[in-house]
Amino acid sequence: MVRLFVRHKVSDYAVWRKAYDGFDAVRIKLGAKGHAVYRDVEDANDVTAWHDFDNLEAARAFASSNDLKAAMKSAGVIGAPTLWITRPT
């Protein structure tokens, strides 16, 4: 298992959250197993989400998918996200 973290700024958290929740079926289709969302305590539009995948290849495919890029754009993501992939030790 690997965990993909995605951090980005959004223009409006409520709009972003609705789009994020609406992307759930696609996220699952692309291999995401679990997820959680966090907001910065001082900037509610600074969002970090994590998603679990069976392997590194699935996480990378998800991160580079056109479906994800389109969803992020329509959800009001500002700029490029910061991505990192981890594995439990």
Protein backbone atom coordinates (compact mmCIF):
# COMPACT_ATOMS: atom_id res chain seq x y z
CA MET A 1 0.00 0.00 0.00
CA VAL A 2 1.04 3.59 -0.65
CA ARG A 3 -0.53 6.87 0.41
CA LEU A 4 -0.72 9.87 -1.89
CA PHE A 5 -0.96 13.30 -0.25
CA VAL A 6 -2.23 16.26 -2.25
CA ARG A 7 -2.05 19.82 -0.93
CA HIS A 8 -3.42 22.84 -2.72
CA LYS A 9 -5.17 26.15 -2.31
CA VAL A 10 -8.78 26.44 -3.39
CA SER A 11 -10.81 29.53 -4.15
CA ASP A 12 -13.79 28.42 -2.04
CA TYR A 13 -13.71 25.38 0.24
CA ALA A 14 -17.49 24.73 0.05
CA VAL A 15 -17.37 24.66 -3.76
CA TRP A 16 -14.24 22.49 -3.72
CA ARG A 17 -15.73 20.06 -1.18
CA LYS A 18 -18.88 19.56 -3.25
CA ALA A 19 -16.74 18.77 -6.31
CA TYR A 20 -14.44 16.51 -4.26
CA ASP A 21 -17.37 14.51 -2.89
CA GLY A 22 -18.88 14.31 -6.38
CA PHE A 23 -15.63 12.79 -7.68
CA ASP A 24 -15.85 9.83 -5.30
CA ALA A 25 -16.96 7.24 -7.89
CA VAL A 26 -14.16 8.24 -10.27
CA ARG A 27 -11.63 8.19 -7.43
CA ILE A 28 -12.64 4.61 -6.61
CA LYS A 29 -12.56 3.62 -10.29
CA LEU A 30 -9.01 4.98 -10.45
CA GLY A 31 -7.93 2.79 -7.53
CA ALA A 32 -8.24 4.98 -4.46
CA LYS A 33 -9.05 2.84 -1.41
CA GLY A 34 -9.39 5.34 1.39
CA HIS A 35 -9.18 9.07 1.85
CA ALA A 36 -9.39 11.96 4.28
CA VAL A 37 -9.41 15.74 3.95
CA TYR A 38 -7.72 18.30 6.20
CA ARG A 39 -7.85 22.10 6.26
CA ASP A 40 -5.19 24.45 7.53
CA VAL A 41 -6.17 25.95 10.89
CA GLU A 42 -5.38 29.49 9.72
CA ASP A 43 -6.45 29.27 6.07
CA ALA A 44 -9.55 27.16 5.47
CA ASN A 45 -8.87 27.26 1.72
CA ASP A 46 -5.53 25.47 2.15
CA VAL A 47 -6.54 21.83 1.76
CA THR A 48 -4.64 18.56 2.10
CA ALA A 49 -6.19 15.23 1.11
CA TRP A 50 -4.72 11.74 1.23
CA HIS A 51 -5.69 8.67 -0.77
CA ASP A 52 -4.50 5.07 -0.38
CA PHE A 53 -3.59 2.83 -3.33
CA ASP A 54 -2.46 -0.76 -3.71
CA ASN A 55 0.83 0.25 -5.31
CA LEU A 56 2.99 3.12 -6.54
CA GLU A 57 1.90 2.71 -10.16
CA ALA A 58 -1.78 3.16 -9.26
CA ALA A 59 -1.01 6.27 -7.20
CA ARG A 60 1.03 7.80 -10.01
CA ALA A 61 -1.66 6.97 -12.58
CA PHE A 62 -4.28 8.65 -10.39
CA ALA A 63 -2.13 11.74 -9.84
CA SER A 64 -1.55 12.18 -13.56
CA SER A 65 -5.07 11.31 -14.73
CA ASN A 66 -6.90 13.75 -16.94
CA ASP A 67 -10.07 13.10 -14.91
CA LEU A 68 -8.36 14.36 -11.76
CA LYS A 69 -6.87 17.39 -13.50
CA ALA A 70 -10.28 18.37 -14.93
CA ALA A 71 -11.99 17.87 -11.56
CA MET A 72 -9.42 20.00 -9.77
CA LYS A 73 -9.76 22.78 -12.31
CA SER A 74 -13.56 22.83 -12.09
CA ALA A 75 -13.39 22.68 -8.27
CA GLY A 76 -11.43 25.93 -8.07
CA VAL A 77 -7.95 24.65 -7.28
CA ILE A 78 -5.50 27.55 -7.45
CA GLY A 79 -2.08 26.81 -8.96
CA ALA A 80 -0.28 23.51 -9.05
CA PRO A 81 -0.81 21.10 -6.15
CA THR A 82 1.99 19.70 -4.04
CA LEU A 83 2.02 15.90 -4.29
CA TRP A 84 3.97 13.32 -2.35
CA ILE A 85 3.68 9.55 -2.07
CA THR A 86 4.58 7.61 1.05
CA ARG A 87 4.63 4.00 2.15
CA PRO A 88 4.21 2.65 5.68
CA THR A 89 7.30 1.41 7.46
